């Protein structure tokens, strides 16, 4: 069995076959999925999805791309929504300097509010970090100094220094289909050197389908392909890697009762 720790089942890409997609995931051995919030304003749609499927959970938060759209979302708002039994994480929030779809000060303000919510609730913070390694590491160190909080560097594609900073601070690192791409040698080298008990796998579906599905719409059943490559990178059998990352997931996402 394996887990998809990060997907976006509320996206319109899945409107025509969501039921079938969840069943394909089950058939592939994906026992649990977490569909990740990108806008607090769309929580009602997420809630409807997670209530429909017993093995699908969600987070609550504002993606950095959308930080300027939701400037009034407070830490208290996040904490209140996180009381729902099927809300198991905070985020995704963070910094994205690659696209800069929101002003950087808005991204930072939103991110710090999400950190405070994770600290208060004890739920893992799902961190989006792209082209912002130095600022991300600085914020994480500063905020961790105010009080520990659980967190994940999701869909990791940053540099080794940020990965090591995350590990030093107690974070987990999650790998997506990017790990399987031909030109991801540096990323695989980073993955090979991180502690096994801090690793997760994800799809980030509908994006970043792994080889051999690259270029297609991604979906949770494909997480097994990323896990196979991570296992090869670590010199492990796929079943051992799946067991380790699944154990890591349930330890971190402690609000979810393991099947």
C-alpha atoms as a PDB file:
ATOM      1  CA  UNK A   1       0.000   0.000   0.000  1.00  0.00           C
ATOM      2  CA  UNK A   2       1.061   3.582  -0.611  1.00  0.00           C
ATOM      3  CA  UNK A   3      -0.226   7.121  -0.091  1.00  0.00           C
ATOM      4  CA  UNK A   4      -0.547  10.158  -2.347  1.00  0.00           C
ATOM      5  CA  UNK A   5       0.283  12.928   0.091  1.00  0.00           C
ATOM      6  CA  UNK A   6      -0.539  15.787  -2.300  1.00  0.00           C
ATOM      7  CA  UNK A   7      -3.021  16.060  -5.151  1.00  0.00           C
ATOM      8  CA  UNK A   8      -5.716  18.498  -6.285  1.00  0.00           C
ATOM      9  CA  UNK A   9      -8.893  16.502  -6.779  1.00  0.00           C
ATOM     10  CA  UNK A  10     -11.056  19.628  -6.738  1.00  0.00           C
ATOM     11  CA  UNK A  11      -9.513  20.921  -9.956  1.00  0.00           C
ATOM     12  CA  UNK A  12     -11.812  20.899 -13.005  1.00  0.00           C
ATOM     13  CA  UNK A  13      -9.421  18.470 -14.754  1.00  0.00           C
ATOM     14  CA  UNK A  14     -11.149  15.716 -12.759  1.00  0.00           C
ATOM     15  CA  UNK A  15     -14.779  16.798 -13.032  1.00  0.00           C
ATOM     16  CA  UNK A  16     -15.707  14.110 -15.558  1.00  0.00           C
ATOM     17  CA  UNK A  17     -14.147  11.036 -13.932  1.00  0.00           C
ATOM     18  CA  UNK A  18     -13.438  11.729 -10.253  1.00  0.00           C
ATOM     19  CA  UNK A  19     -15.167   8.553  -9.034  1.00  0.00           C
ATOM     20  CA  UNK A  20     -13.274   6.404 -11.520  1.00  0.00           C
ATOM     21  CA  UNK A  21     -10.005   8.105 -10.626  1.00  0.00           C
ATOM     22  CA  UNK A  22     -10.437   7.290  -6.934  1.00  0.00           C
ATOM     23  CA  UNK A  23     -11.188   3.672  -7.816  1.00  0.00           C
ATOM     24  CA  UNK A  24      -8.109   3.466 -10.071  1.00  0.00           C
ATOM     25  CA  UNK A  25      -6.048   4.729  -7.172  1.00  0.00           C
ATOM     26  CA  UNK A  26      -7.461   2.052  -4.868  1.00  0.00           C
ATOM     27  CA  UNK A  27      -6.734  -0.616  -7.467  1.00  0.00           C
ATOM     28  CA  UNK A  28      -3.128   0.601  -7.696  1.00  0.00           C
ATOM     29  CA  UNK A  29      -2.717   0.271  -3.930  1.00  0.00           C
ATOM     30  CA  UNK A  30      -3.084   3.961  -3.066  1.00  0.00           C
ATOM     31  CA  UNK A  31      -4.940   3.670   0.214  1.00  0.00           C
ATOM     32  CA  UNK A  32      -5.152   7.352   1.168  1.00  0.00           C
ATOM     33  CA  UNK A  33      -5.073  10.680  -0.708  1.00  0.00           C
ATOM     34  CA  UNK A  34      -4.816  14.248   0.537  1.00  0.00           C
ATOM     35  CA  UNK A  35      -6.334  16.843  -1.780  1.00  0.00           C
ATOM     36  CA  UNK A  36      -4.661  20.168  -1.136  1.00  0.00           C
ATOM     37  CA  UNK A  37      -6.317  23.550  -0.733  1.00  0.00           C
ATOM     38  CA  UNK A  38      -5.150  26.459  -2.894  1.00  0.00           C
ATOM     39  CA  UNK A  39      -7.860  28.964  -1.924  1.00  0.00           C
ATOM     40  CA  UNK A  40      -9.697  29.140   1.375  1.00  0.00           C
ATOM     41  CA  UNK A  41     -12.649  30.604  -0.536  1.00  0.00           C
ATOM     42  CA  UNK A  42     -13.056  27.241  -2.301  1.00  0.00           C
ATOM     43  CA  UNK A  43     -13.177  25.166   0.869  1.00  0.00           C
ATOM     44  CA  UNK A  44     -16.806  24.179   0.315  1.00  0.00           C
ATOM     45  CA  UNK A  45     -15.853  22.352  -2.863  1.00  0.00           C
ATOM     46  CA  UNK A  46     -13.020  20.538  -1.137  1.00  0.00           C
ATOM     47  CA  UNK A  47     -15.281  19.549   1.732  1.00  0.00           C
ATOM     48  CA  UNK A  48     -17.831  18.068  -0.644  1.00  0.00           C
ATOM     49  CA  UNK A  49     -15.139  15.898  -2.233  1.00  0.00           C
ATOM     50  CA  UNK A  50     -13.627  14.586   0.988  1.00  0.00           C
ATOM     51  CA  UNK A  51     -17.061  13.806   2.394  1.00  0.00           C
ATOM     52  CA  UNK A  52     -17.790  11.712  -0.711  1.00  0.00           C
ATOM     53  CA  UNK A  53     -14.769   9.401  -0.338  1.00  0.00           C
ATOM     54  CA  UNK A  54     -13.737   7.669   2.858  1.00  0.00           C
ATOM     55  CA  UNK A  55     -10.054   7.578   1.904  1.00  0.00           C
ATOM     56  CA  UNK A  56      -9.674  11.199   0.762  1.00  0.00           C
ATOM     57  CA  UNK A  57      -8.753  14.030   3.131  1.00  0.00           C
ATOM     58  CA  UNK A  58      -7.885  17.683   2.592  1.00  0.00           C
ATOM     59  CA  UNK A  59      -5.888  20.652   3.821  1.00  0.00           C
ATOM     60  CA  UNK A  60      -6.921  24.265   4.250  1.00  0.00           C
ATOM     61  CA  UNK A  61      -4.897  27.201   2.990  1.00  0.00           C
ATOM     62  CA  UNK A  62      -3.946  29.748   0.363  1.00  0.00           C
ATOM     63  CA  UNK A  63      -1.386  28.965  -2.340  1.00  0.00           C
ATOM     64  CA  UNK A  64       1.272  31.688  -2.715  1.00  0.00           C
ATOM     65  CA  UNK A  65      -0.012  32.368  -6.233  1.00  0.00           C
ATOM     66  CA  UNK A  66      -3.295  33.388  -4.627  1.00  0.00           C
ATOM     67  CA  UNK A  67      -1.970  35.255  -1.614  1.00  0.00           C
ATOM     68  CA  UNK A  68      -3.076  38.655  -2.942  1.00  0.00           C
ATOM     69  CA  UNK A  69      -6.592  37.302  -3.551  1.00  0.00           C
ATOM     70  CA  UNK A  70      -7.047  36.310   0.083  1.00  0.00           C
ATOM     71  CA  UNK A  71      -5.313  38.999   2.155  1.00  0.00           C
ATOM     72  CA  UNK A  72      -7.937  38.830   4.889  1.00  0.00           C
ATOM     73  CA  UNK A  73      -7.548  35.115   5.683  1.00  0.00           C
ATOM     74  CA  UNK A  74      -6.214  35.037   9.227  1.00  0.00           C
ATOM     75  CA  UNK A  75      -4.506  32.421  11.336  1.00  0.00           C
ATOM     76  CA  UNK A  76      -7.716  32.190  13.363  1.00  0.00           C
ATOM     77  CA  UNK A  77      -9.694  31.463  10.186  1.00  0.00           C
ATOM     78  CA  UNK A  78      -7.360  28.623   9.291  1.00  0.00           C
ATOM     79  CA  UNK A  79      -7.491  27.171  12.787  1.00  0.00           C
ATOM     80  CA  UNK A  80     -11.283  27.268  12.819  1.00  0.00           C
ATOM     81  CA  UNK A  81     -11.610  25.464   9.484  1.00  0.00           C
ATOM     82  CA  UNK A  82      -8.958  22.933  10.514  1.00  0.00           C
ATOM     83  CA  UNK A  83     -11.295  21.695  13.263  1.00  0.00           C
ATOM     84  CA  UNK A  84     -13.187  19.695  10.622  1.00  0.00           C
ATOM     85  CA  UNK A  85     -12.312  15.988  11.088  1.00  0.00           C
ATOM     86  CA  UNK A  86     -11.287  15.599   7.450  1.00  0.00           C
ATOM     87  CA  UNK A  87      -8.988  18.647   7.366  1.00  0.00           C
ATOM     88  CA  UNK A  88      -5.605  17.098   8.150  1.00  0.00           C
ATOM     89  CA  UNK A  89      -3.061  19.747   7.117  1.00  0.00           C
ATOM     90  CA  UNK A  90      -2.486  23.482   6.684  1.00  0.00           C
ATOM     91  CA  UNK A  91      -1.608  24.970   3.294  1.00  0.00           C
ATOM     92  CA  UNK A  92      -0.335  24.837   0.746  1.00  0.00           C
ATOM     93  CA  UNK A  93       1.419  28.098   1.454  1.00  0.00           C
ATOM     94  CA  UNK A  94       4.888  29.432   0.861  1.00  0.00           C
ATOM     95  CA  UNK A  95       6.956  31.419  -1.605  1.00  0.00           C
ATOM     96  CA  UNK A  96       7.034  31.256  -5.407  1.00  0.00           C
ATOM     97  CA  UNK A  97       9.513  33.660  -6.997  1.00  0.00           C
ATOM     98  CA  UNK A  98       9.487  31.786 -10.313  1.00  0.00           C
ATOM     99  CA  UNK A  99       6.096  33.083 -11.400  1.00  0.00           C
ATOM    100  CA  UNK A 100       5.641  35.898  -8.868  1.00  0.00           C
ATOM    101  CA  UNK A 101       1.873  35.705  -9.363  1.00  0.00           C
ATOM    102  CA  UNK A 102       1.411  37.554  -6.079  1.00  0.00           C
ATOM    103  CA  UNK A 103       3.562  40.299  -4.540  1.00  0.00           C
ATOM    104  CA  UNK A 104       6.329  38.815  -2.431  1.00  0.00           C
ATOM    105  CA  UNK A 105       5.297  40.681   0.700  1.00  0.00           C
ATOM    106  CA  UNK A 106       1.772  39.234   0.364  1.00  0.00           C
ATOM    107  CA  UNK A 107       3.221  35.738  -0.046  1.00  0.00           C
ATOM    108  CA  UNK A 108       5.381  36.173   3.045  1.00  0.00           C
ATOM    109  CA  UNK A 109       2.543  37.538   5.192  1.00  0.00           C
ATOM    110  CA  UNK A 110       0.256  34.695   4.184  1.00  0.00           C
ATOM    111  CA  UNK A 111       2.980  32.112   4.730  1.00  0.00           C
ATOM    112  CA  UNK A 112       3.703  33.291   8.269  1.00  0.00           C
ATOM    113  CA  UNK A 113       0.001  33.145   9.125  1.00  0.00           C
ATOM    114  CA  UNK A 114      -0.098  29.551   7.899  1.00  0.00           C
ATOM    115  CA  UNK A 115       2.978  28.695   9.953  1.00  0.00           C
ATOM    116  CA  UNK A 116       1.235  30.043  13.048  1.00  0.00           C
ATOM    117  CA  UNK A 117      -1.825  27.899  12.273  1.00  0.00           C
ATOM    118  CA  UNK A 118       0.336  24.786  11.919  1.00  0.00           C
ATOM    119  CA  UNK A 119       2.087  25.582  15.192  1.00  0.00           C
ATOM    120  CA  UNK A 120      -1.228  26.056  16.989  1.00  0.00           C
ATOM    121  CA  UNK A 121      -3.047  23.023  15.561  1.00  0.00           C
ATOM    122  CA  UNK A 122      -0.119  20.619  15.318  1.00  0.00           C
ATOM    123  CA  UNK A 123      -1.191  19.804  11.757  1.00  0.00           C
ATOM    124  CA  UNK A 124       1.546  19.559   9.119  1.00  0.00           C
ATOM    125  CA  UNK A 125       2.151  22.666   7.026  1.00  0.00           C
ATOM    126  CA  UNK A 126       2.353  21.917   3.292  1.00  0.00           C
ATOM    127  CA  UNK A 127       5.044  24.243   1.939  1.00  0.00           C
ATOM    128  CA  UNK A 128       5.315  25.420  -1.658  1.00  0.00           C
ATOM    129  CA  UNK A 129       8.822  26.684  -2.401  1.00  0.00           C
ATOM    130  CA  UNK A 130      10.033  27.630  -5.865  1.00  0.00           C
ATOM    131  CA  UNK A 131      13.016  29.790  -6.777  1.00  0.00           C
ATOM    132  CA  UNK A 132      13.027  31.171  -3.238  1.00  0.00           C
ATOM    133  CA  UNK A 133      15.498  28.933  -1.419  1.00  0.00           C
ATOM    134  CA  UNK A 134      17.332  31.567   0.631  1.00  0.00           C
ATOM    135  CA  UNK A 135      14.225  33.417   1.795  1.00  0.00           C
ATOM    136  CA  UNK A 136      12.426  30.160   2.515  1.00  0.00           C
ATOM    137  CA  UNK A 137      15.269  28.842   4.674  1.00  0.00           C
ATOM    138  CA  UNK A 138      15.525  32.146   6.529  1.00  0.00           C
ATOM    139  CA  UNK A 139      11.796  32.275   7.301  1.00  0.00           C
ATOM    140  CA  UNK A 140      11.713  28.654   8.417  1.00  0.00           C
ATOM    141  CA  UNK A 141      14.656  29.150  10.769  1.00  0.00           C
ATOM    142  CA  UNK A 142      13.191  32.331  12.206  1.00  0.00           C
ATOM    143  CA  UNK A 143       9.722  30.885  12.686  1.00  0.00           C
ATOM    144  CA  UNK A 144      10.943  27.586  14.089  1.00  0.00           C
ATOM    145  CA  UNK A 145      12.752  29.634  16.703  1.00  0.00           C
ATOM    146  CA  UNK A 146       9.372  30.947  17.880  1.00  0.00           C
ATOM    147  CA  UNK A 147       8.037  27.430  18.412  1.00  0.00           C
ATOM    148  CA  UNK A 148       8.223  24.148  16.541  1.00  0.00           C
ATOM    149  CA  UNK A 149       5.695  23.146  13.879  1.00  0.00           C
ATOM    150  CA  UNK A 150       5.463  20.093  11.575  1.00  0.00           C
ATOM    151  CA  UNK A 151       5.923  20.752   7.874  1.00  0.00           C
ATOM    152  CA  UNK A 152       6.623  19.291   4.446  1.00  0.00           C
ATOM    153  CA  UNK A 153       8.662  20.735   1.598  1.00  0.00           C
ATOM    154  CA  UNK A 154       6.230  19.490  -1.026  1.00  0.00           C
ATOM    155  CA  UNK A 155       7.033  18.625  -4.662  1.00  0.00           C
ATOM    156  CA  UNK A 156      10.670  19.242  -3.867  1.00  0.00           C
ATOM    157  CA  UNK A 157      12.663  20.670  -6.759  1.00  0.00           C
ATOM    158  CA  UNK A 158      14.892  23.151  -4.925  1.00  0.00           C
ATOM    159  CA  UNK A 159      18.578  22.962  -4.089  1.00  0.00           C
ATOM    160  CA  UNK A 160      20.396  20.683  -1.684  1.00  0.00           C
ATOM    161  CA  UNK A 161      20.903  23.471   0.857  1.00  0.00           C
ATOM    162  CA  UNK A 162      17.167  23.968   1.331  1.00  0.00           C
ATOM    163  CA  UNK A 163      16.603  20.228   1.642  1.00  0.00           C
ATOM    164  CA  UNK A 164      19.267  19.981   4.329  1.00  0.00           C
ATOM    165  CA  UNK A 165      17.922  23.053   6.119  1.00  0.00           C
ATOM    166  CA  UNK A 166      14.497  21.448   6.142  1.00  0.00           C
ATOM    167  CA  UNK A 167      15.858  18.206   7.563  1.00  0.00           C
ATOM    168  CA  UNK A 168      17.813  20.131  10.204  1.00  0.00           C
ATOM    169  CA  UNK A 169      14.593  21.861  11.276  1.00  0.00           C
ATOM    170  CA  UNK A 170      12.634  18.618  11.477  1.00  0.00           C
ATOM    171  CA  UNK A 171      10.719  18.903   8.199  1.00  0.00           C
ATOM    172  CA  UNK A 172       9.786  16.172   5.755  1.00  0.00           C
ATOM    173  CA  UNK A 173      10.618  16.311   2.041  1.00  0.00           C
ATOM    174  CA  UNK A 174       8.152  15.067  -0.566  1.00  0.00           C
ATOM    175  CA  UNK A 175       9.022  14.048  -4.115  1.00  0.00           C
ATOM    176  CA  UNK A 176       6.739  14.188  -7.149  1.00  0.00           C
ATOM    177  CA  UNK A 177       6.964  12.955 -10.729  1.00  0.00           C
ATOM    178  CA  UNK A 178       9.782  15.444 -11.334  1.00  0.00           C
ATOM    179  CA  UNK A 179      12.036  12.851  -9.701  1.00  0.00           C
ATOM    180  CA  UNK A 180      11.455  10.504 -12.657  1.00  0.00           C
ATOM    181  CA  UNK A 181      12.365  12.981 -15.386  1.00  0.00           C
ATOM    182  CA  UNK A 182      15.486  12.258 -17.422  1.00  0.00           C
ATOM    183  CA  UNK A 183      17.178  15.537 -16.510  1.00  0.00           C
ATOM    184  CA  UNK A 184      16.514  15.257 -12.770  1.00  0.00           C
ATOM    185  CA  UNK A 185      19.876  13.689 -11.906  1.00  0.00           C
ATOM    186  CA  UNK A 186      20.653  16.388  -9.338  1.00  0.00           C
ATOM    187  CA  UNK A 187      17.277  15.930  -7.669  1.00  0.00           C
ATOM    188  CA  UNK A 188      17.763  12.166  -7.468  1.00  0.00           C
ATOM    189  CA  UNK A 189      21.171  12.751  -5.895  1.00  0.00           C
ATOM    190  CA  UNK A 190      19.528  14.920  -3.224  1.00  0.00           C
ATOM    191  CA  UNK A 191      16.841  12.287  -2.620  1.00  0.00           C
ATOM    192  CA  UNK A 192      19.486   9.606  -2.232  1.00  0.00           C
ATOM    193  CA  UNK A 193      21.140  11.421   0.651  1.00  0.00           C
ATOM    194  CA  UNK A 194      18.176  12.383   2.833  1.00  0.00           C
ATOM    195  CA  UNK A 195      17.046  10.371   5.871  1.00  0.00           C
ATOM    196  CA  UNK A 196      14.559   7.697   4.847  1.00  0.00           C
ATOM    197  CA  UNK A 197      12.268   8.519   7.757  1.00  0.00           C
ATOM    198  CA  UNK A 198      11.682  12.040   6.380  1.00  0.00           C
ATOM    199  CA  UNK A 199      10.632  11.127   2.833  1.00  0.00           C
ATOM    200  CA  UNK A 200       7.172  11.255   1.274  1.00  0.00           C
ATOM    201  CA  UNK A 201       5.851  10.725  -2.248  1.00  0.00           C
ATOM    202  CA  UNK A 202       3.092  12.605  -4.047  1.00  0.00           C
ATOM    203  CA  UNK A 203       1.638  13.311  -7.461  1.00  0.00           C
ATOM    204  CA  UNK A 204       0.655  17.006  -7.323  1.00  0.00           C
ATOM    205  CA  UNK A 205      -2.009  15.819  -9.776  1.00  0.00           C
ATOM    206  CA  UNK A 206      -3.149  16.949 -12.287  1.00  0.00           C
ATOM    207  CA  UNK A 207       0.390  18.264 -12.834  1.00  0.00           C
ATOM    208  CA  UNK A 208       3.805  16.632 -13.326  1.00  0.00           C
ATOM    209  CA  UNK A 209       2.852  13.126 -14.395  1.00  0.00           C
ATOM    210  CA  UNK A 210       5.810  10.783 -13.865  1.00  0.00           C
ATOM    211  CA  UNK A 211       7.508   8.720 -16.533  1.00  0.00           C
ATOM    212  CA  UNK A 212       6.030   6.694 -18.297  1.00  0.00           C
ATOM    213  CA  UNK A 213       2.963   8.979 -18.204  1.00  0.00           C
ATOM    214  CA  UNK A 214       4.807  12.253 -18.706  1.00  0.00           C
ATOM    215  CA  UNK A 215       2.797  14.716 -20.765  1.00  0.00           C
ATOM    216  CA  UNK A 216      -0.526  13.208 -19.691  1.00  0.00           C
ATOM    217  CA  UNK A 217      -2.892  14.408 -16.994  1.00  0.00           C
ATOM    218  CA  UNK A 218      -1.509  13.158 -13.699  1.00  0.00           C
ATOM    219  CA  UNK A 219      -3.633  11.258 -11.185  1.00  0.00           C
ATOM    220  CA  UNK A 220      -3.093   9.623  -7.777  1.00  0.00           C
ATOM    221  CA  UNK A 221      -2.610   6.091  -9.115  1.00  0.00           C
ATOM    222  CA  UNK A 222       0.592   7.274 -10.790  1.00  0.00           C
ATOM    223  CA  UNK A 223       2.299   7.894  -7.442  1.00  0.00           C
ATOM    224  CA  UNK A 224       3.531   4.310  -7.633  1.00  0.00           C
ATOM    225  CA  UNK A 225       5.806   5.290 -10.532  1.00  0.00           C
ATOM    226  CA  UNK A 226       7.485   8.028  -8.512  1.00  0.00           C
ATOM    227  CA  UNK A 227       7.883   5.606  -5.619  1.00  0.00           C
ATOM    228  CA  UNK A 228       9.572   3.072  -7.919  1.00  0.00           C
ATOM    229  CA  UNK A 229      12.176   5.626  -8.995  1.00  0.00           C
ATOM    230  CA  UNK A 230      12.727   6.795  -5.421  1.00  0.00           C
ATOM    231  CA  UNK A 231      13.212   3.160  -4.389  1.00  0.00           C
ATOM    232  CA  UNK A 232      15.776   2.649  -7.149  1.00  0.00           C
ATOM    233  CA  UNK A 233      17.520   5.857  -6.141  1.00  0.00           C
ATOM    234  CA  UNK A 234      17.730   4.629  -2.547  1.00  0.00           C
ATOM    235  CA  UNK A 235      18.733   1.065  -3.426  1.00  0.00           C
ATOM    236  CA  UNK A 236      15.525  -0.353  -1.951  1.00  0.00           C
ATOM    237  CA  UNK A 237      12.848  -2.716  -3.132  1.00  0.00           C
ATOM    238  CA  UNK A 238       9.689  -0.800  -4.141  1.00  0.00           C
ATOM    239  CA  UNK A 239       7.672  -2.482  -1.380  1.00  0.00           C
ATOM    240  CA  UNK A 240      10.171  -1.374   1.258  1.00  0.00           C
ATOM    241  CA  UNK A 241      10.142   2.204  -0.007  1.00  0.00           C
ATOM    242  CA  UNK A 242       6.341   2.219  -0.111  1.00  0.00           C
ATOM    243  CA  UNK A 243       6.184   0.917   3.455  1.00  0.00           C
ATOM    244  CA  UNK A 244       8.664   3.521   4.706  1.00  0.00           C
ATOM    245  CA  UNK A 245       7.012   6.519   3.056  1.00  0.00           C
ATOM    246  CA  UNK A 246       3.582   5.322   4.148  1.00  0.00           C
ATOM    247  CA  UNK A 247       4.742   4.977   7.753  1.00  0.00           C
ATOM    248  CA  UNK A 248       6.228   8.473   7.516  1.00  0.00           C
ATOM    249  CA  UNK A 249       2.945   9.815   6.185  1.00  0.00           C
ATOM    250  CA  UNK A 250       0.784   8.467   8.994  1.00  0.00           C
ATOM    251  CA  UNK A 251       3.251   9.591  11.616  1.00  0.00           C
ATOM    252  CA  UNK A 252       3.186  13.125  10.216  1.00  0.00           C
ATOM    253  CA  UNK A 253      -0.507  13.283   9.267  1.00  0.00           C
ATOM    254  CA  UNK A 254      -1.448  12.070  12.709  1.00  0.00           C
ATOM    255  CA  UNK A 255      -5.078  13.167  12.431  1.00  0.00           C
ATOM    256  CA  UNK A 256      -5.722  10.396   9.910  1.00  0.00           C
ATOM    257  CA  UNK A 257      -6.547   6.997  11.345  1.00  0.00           C
ATOM    258  CA  UNK A 258      -4.511   4.433   9.481  1.00  0.00           C
ATOM    259  CA  UNK A 259      -6.665   1.859   7.648  1.00  0.00           C
END
